[in-house]
Each structure stands twice: as structure tokens, then as C-alpha cells.
Amino acid sequence: MIQPVEVKLIEGFFVFVSLLTGLGCVTGIIVTWIKRKDRKAVASPELANRLSDISDRLARLDSSIDTIAVEVERISEAQRFTARVLAERPSTGRLQEGVRPPGTATPH
């Protein structure tokens, strides 16, 4: 059988745990309220201007990257074309060793 002292101890423990839980919830609510209040205060015109400037810069950067991608694609198409033309070109005979066409100089 549980003694009255033990019952009071268990009740006191549950009251303590309930108070701590309630205090934790109230603290969380207060912290959230303070953070939301600070966010509204931070949205100043200076910050809005800076964010707008950053947005404009990112838009310009995006268009620059797109332009670079188009140019790289053009370069790769030119390389493919050049490689195809060289591959389709009839091979010319190599020069025989020791025989040079007239008018060429030897490297020094």
C-alpha cells in the first residue's frame, strides 16, 4: 500500500514536471513572437534596396552564363565541322624523306 508521504512526493514530482513543460512551451511561444517581431523590424528600405540590387546582379549573371553557354556551343560546332572536313579531305601523299620541294629552307 502506498503511504501518504509517497503520494505527496509523486504528486509533487508530477506538478514539477507539468510546470517545467508549461514553462518550456511559454518560453518557445515568447521566443517565436520575438523573432517574428524582429523580422518585421529588419525589413527596412535599405535592406529592400540591397535585396533588389542582389536580385538584379543575379539576373545579369544568369544572362551572362546563358550567353557563354551559347558561345561554347558555337565553338564546339565549329570544331565538329572542322574535324569532319579534315576527315573527308583526301589524303595527300607524304613527302619522301630526304626530298624537299624546291625553295624550302632547313630549320636551324
Protein backbone atom coordinates (compact mmCIF):
# COMPACT_ATOMS: atom_id res chain seq x y z
CA MET A 1 0.00 0.00 0.00
CA ILE A 2 1.23 3.48 -0.87
CA GLN A 3 1.87 5.77 2.07
CA PRO A 4 0.54 9.37 2.09
CA VAL A 5 4.09 10.71 2.08
CA GLU A 6 4.86 8.79 -1.09
CA VAL A 7 1.64 10.01 -2.71
CA LYS A 8 2.55 13.63 -1.90
CA LEU A 9 6.06 13.05 -3.29
CA ILE A 10 4.68 11.58 -6.55
CA GLU A 11 2.12 14.40 -6.84
CA GLY A 12 4.86 16.98 -6.23
CA PHE A 13 7.00 15.36 -8.92
CA PHE A 14 4.16 15.45 -11.48
CA VAL A 15 3.39 19.08 -10.60
CA PHE A 16 7.08 19.94 -11.06
CA VAL A 17 7.24 18.17 -14.44
CA SER A 18 4.00 19.86 -15.54
CA LEU A 19 5.31 23.29 -14.56
CA LEU A 20 8.58 22.72 -16.42
CA THR A 21 6.72 21.58 -19.53
CA GLY A 22 4.39 24.58 -19.36
CA LEU A 23 7.32 26.94 -18.82
CA GLY A 24 9.12 25.42 -21.83
CA CYS A 25 6.04 25.92 -24.02
CA VAL A 26 5.59 29.53 -22.88
CA THR A 27 9.29 30.22 -23.48
CA GLY A 28 9.03 28.79 -27.01
CA ILE A 29 5.99 30.97 -27.73
CA ILE A 30 7.77 34.09 -26.45
CA VAL A 31 10.93 33.36 -28.45
CA THR A 32 8.90 32.81 -31.62
CA TRP A 33 6.98 36.04 -31.04
CA ILE A 34 10.24 37.99 -30.53
CA LYS A 35 11.78 36.51 -33.70
CA ARG A 36 8.75 37.41 -35.79
CA LYS A 37 8.71 40.91 -34.35
CA ASP A 38 12.41 41.33 -35.24
CA ARG A 39 11.83 40.14 -38.82
CA LYS A 40 9.26 42.84 -39.37
CA ALA A 41 11.59 45.48 -37.96
CA VAL A 42 14.53 44.29 -40.10
CA ALA A 43 12.63 44.78 -43.37
CA SER A 44 13.91 48.33 -43.73
CA PRO A 45 14.07 50.25 -47.01
CA GLU A 46 17.87 49.89 -47.06
CA LEU A 47 17.59 46.12 -46.85
CA ALA A 48 14.93 46.07 -49.54
CA ASN A 49 17.21 48.12 -51.82
CA ARG A 50 20.13 45.78 -51.19
CA LEU A 51 18.00 42.73 -51.91
CA SER A 52 16.77 44.35 -55.11
CA ASP A 53 20.37 45.08 -56.13
CA ILE A 54 21.38 41.48 -55.43
CA SER A 55 18.42 40.25 -57.46
CA ASP A 56 19.44 42.46 -60.41
CA ARG A 57 23.02 41.21 -60.21
CA LEU A 58 21.89 37.60 -60.19
CA ALA A 59 19.70 38.26 -63.23
CA ARG A 60 22.66 39.75 -65.11
CA LEU A 61 24.85 36.84 -64.05
CA ASP A 62 22.23 34.40 -65.28
CA SER A 63 22.05 36.07 -68.69
CA SER A 64 25.86 36.15 -68.90
CA ILE A 65 26.06 32.43 -68.20
CA ASP A 66 23.45 31.76 -70.88
CA THR A 67 25.47 33.82 -73.38
CA ILE A 68 28.65 31.92 -72.50
CA ALA A 69 26.84 28.61 -72.95
CA VAL A 70 25.70 29.64 -76.44
CA GLU A 71 29.22 30.67 -77.40
CA VAL A 72 30.70 27.40 -76.12
CA GLU A 73 28.12 25.52 -78.19
CA ARG A 74 29.12 27.51 -81.29
CA ILE A 75 32.79 26.71 -80.68
CA SER A 76 32.05 23.00 -80.30
CA GLU A 77 30.00 23.01 -83.53
CA ALA A 78 32.91 24.70 -85.34
CA GLN A 79 35.29 22.04 -84.01
CA ARG A 80 32.99 19.24 -85.16
CA PHE A 81 32.72 20.84 -88.60
CA THR A 82 36.50 21.25 -88.88
CA ALA A 83 37.08 17.65 -87.79
CA ARG A 84 34.55 16.39 -90.35
CA VAL A 85 36.08 18.46 -93.17
CA LEU A 86 39.56 17.20 -92.30
CA ALA A 87 38.33 13.61 -92.13
CA GLU A 88 36.60 13.84 -95.53
CA ARG A 89 39.56 15.51 -97.21
CA PRO A 90 41.52 13.21 -99.47
CA SER A 91 44.89 12.39 -98.04
CA THR A 92 47.83 13.91 -99.80
CA GLY A 93 50.97 11.91 -100.24
CA ARG A 94 53.67 12.45 -97.71
CA LEU A 95 56.99 13.85 -98.73
CA GLN A 96 59.68 11.32 -99.17
CA GLU A 97 62.41 11.62 -96.67
CA GLY A 98 65.41 13.48 -97.98
CA VAL A 99 63.47 15.06 -100.81
CA ARG A 100 62.36 18.61 -100.28
CA PRO A 101 60.35 20.76 -102.59
CA PRO A 102 62.42 23.49 -104.19
CA GLY A 103 62.50 26.77 -102.24
CA THR A 104 62.23 25.34 -98.74
CA ALA A 105 64.84 26.00 -96.14
CA THR A 106 66.09 23.69 -93.45
CA PRO A 107 65.45 24.75 -89.90
CA HIS A 108 68.46 25.87 -87.90
